[in-house]
Amino acid sequence: MKKKERDRLQVEYICPDCGKHLAWALPNAAIQCPCGQCVDNNNRLKDKSEVYLPLDSEQTVLF
């Protein structure tokens, strides 16, 4: 997968301090964890097999 294609896909943000699964968001996002840690693409925990989701994926629809 090319880098430009990957930048338009969502990745899972997991807090590096407490391990909480926070959200699926674009790689350029920054998310504040309830534990107080600011999580961005550089410090988020990554699973062994990184998963990317398209922006319009039905798996990330909130209800």
C-alpha atoms as a PDB file:
ATOM      1  CA  MET A   1       0.000   0.000   0.000  1.00  0.00           C
ATOM      2  CA  LYS A   2       1.332   3.417  -0.958  1.00  0.00           C
ATOM      3  CA  LYS A   3       1.863   6.096   1.691  1.00  0.00           C
ATOM      4  CA  LYS A   4      -0.685   8.483   0.118  1.00  0.00           C
ATOM      5  CA  GLU A   5      -3.335   5.744   0.174  1.00  0.00           C
ATOM      6  CA  ARG A   6      -2.509   4.927   3.803  1.00  0.00           C
ATOM      7  CA  ASP A   7      -2.834   8.588   4.881  1.00  0.00           C
ATOM      8  CA  ARG A   8      -6.497   8.558   3.850  1.00  0.00           C
ATOM      9  CA  LEU A   9      -7.284   5.498   5.968  1.00  0.00           C
ATOM     10  CA  GLN A  10      -8.169   5.355   9.646  1.00  0.00           C
ATOM     11  CA  VAL A  11      -5.925   3.685  12.209  1.00  0.00           C
ATOM     12  CA  GLU A  12      -6.671   2.563  15.747  1.00  0.00           C
ATOM     13  CA  TYR A  13      -5.388   4.779  18.549  1.00  0.00           C
ATOM     14  CA  ILE A  14      -4.309   2.913  21.685  1.00  0.00           C
ATOM     15  CA  CYS A  15      -2.867   4.798  24.653  1.00  0.00           C
ATOM     16  CA  PRO A  16       0.805   3.971  25.287  1.00  0.00           C
ATOM     17  CA  ASP A  17       0.415   4.586  29.042  1.00  0.00           C
ATOM     18  CA  CYS A  18      -2.771   2.730  30.031  1.00  0.00           C
ATOM     19  CA  GLY A  19      -3.454   0.599  26.924  1.00  0.00           C
ATOM     20  CA  LYS A  20      -7.002   1.925  26.457  1.00  0.00           C
ATOM     21  CA  HIS A  21      -8.431   1.608  22.928  1.00  0.00           C
ATOM     22  CA  LEU A  22      -9.439   5.194  22.199  1.00  0.00           C
ATOM     23  CA  ALA A  23     -10.750   5.593  18.657  1.00  0.00           C
ATOM     24  CA  TRP A  24     -10.295   4.987  14.951  1.00  0.00           C
ATOM     25  CA  ALA A  25      -9.039   8.177  13.327  1.00  0.00           C
ATOM     26  CA  LEU A  26      -6.827   9.537  10.556  1.00  0.00           C
ATOM     27  CA  PRO A  27      -3.067   9.191  11.144  1.00  0.00           C
ATOM     28  CA  ASN A  28      -2.638  12.956  11.608  1.00  0.00           C
ATOM     29  CA  ALA A  29      -5.069  13.113  14.569  1.00  0.00           C
ATOM     30  CA  ALA A  30      -4.181  13.701  18.212  1.00  0.00           C
ATOM     31  CA  ILE A  31      -6.459  12.248  20.886  1.00  0.00           C
ATOM     32  CA  GLN A  32      -6.532  12.985  24.609  1.00  0.00           C
ATOM     33  CA  CYS A  33      -6.825   9.795  26.681  1.00  0.00           C
ATOM     34  CA  PRO A  34      -8.854   9.912  29.933  1.00  0.00           C
ATOM     35  CA  CYS A  35      -5.614   9.040  31.781  1.00  0.00           C
ATOM     36  CA  GLY A  36      -4.195  12.408  30.638  1.00  0.00           C
ATOM     37  CA  GLN A  37      -1.824  11.179  27.895  1.00  0.00           C
ATOM     38  CA  CYS A  38      -1.983  12.936  24.517  1.00  0.00           C
ATOM     39  CA  VAL A  39      -1.843  10.202  21.859  1.00  0.00           C
ATOM     40  CA  ASP A  40      -0.777  10.869  18.275  1.00  0.00           C
ATOM     41  CA  ASN A  41       0.467   8.700  15.431  1.00  0.00           C
ATOM     42  CA  ASN A  42       4.050   8.774  16.728  1.00  0.00           C
ATOM     43  CA  ASN A  43       3.381   7.444  20.224  1.00  0.00           C
ATOM     44  CA  ARG A  44       0.224   5.327  19.824  1.00  0.00           C
ATOM     45  CA  LEU A  45       0.545   1.625  20.475  1.00  0.00           C
ATOM     46  CA  LYS A  46       0.424  -0.401  17.285  1.00  0.00           C
ATOM     47  CA  ASP A  47      -0.735  -3.997  17.036  1.00  0.00           C
ATOM     48  CA  LYS A  48       1.511  -6.572  15.385  1.00  0.00           C
ATOM     49  CA  SER A  49      -0.734  -6.569  12.325  1.00  0.00           C
ATOM     50  CA  GLU A  50      -1.654  -2.941  11.649  1.00  0.00           C
ATOM     51  CA  VAL A  51      -5.210  -2.571  10.333  1.00  0.00           C
ATOM     52  CA  TYR A  52      -6.390   0.335   8.193  1.00  0.00           C
ATOM     53  CA  LEU A  53     -10.038   1.245   7.600  1.00  0.00           C
ATOM     54  CA  PRO A  54     -11.487   3.428   4.843  1.00  0.00           C
ATOM     55  CA  LEU A  55     -13.084   6.712   5.924  1.00  0.00           C
ATOM     56  CA  ASP A  56     -16.564   5.467   5.030  1.00  0.00           C
ATOM     57  CA  SER A  57     -16.239   2.059   6.702  1.00  0.00           C
ATOM     58  CA  GLU A  58     -19.468   0.870   8.302  1.00  0.00           C
ATOM     59  CA  GLN A  59     -17.401  -0.745  11.056  1.00  0.00           C
ATOM     60  CA  THR A  60     -16.674   2.673  12.566  1.00  0.00           C
ATOM     61  CA  VAL A  61     -20.240   4.036  12.519  1.00  0.00           C
ATOM     62  CA  LEU A  62     -21.277   5.213  15.974  1.00  0.00           C
ATOM     63  CA  PHE A  63     -24.789   4.486  17.176  1.00  0.00           C
END
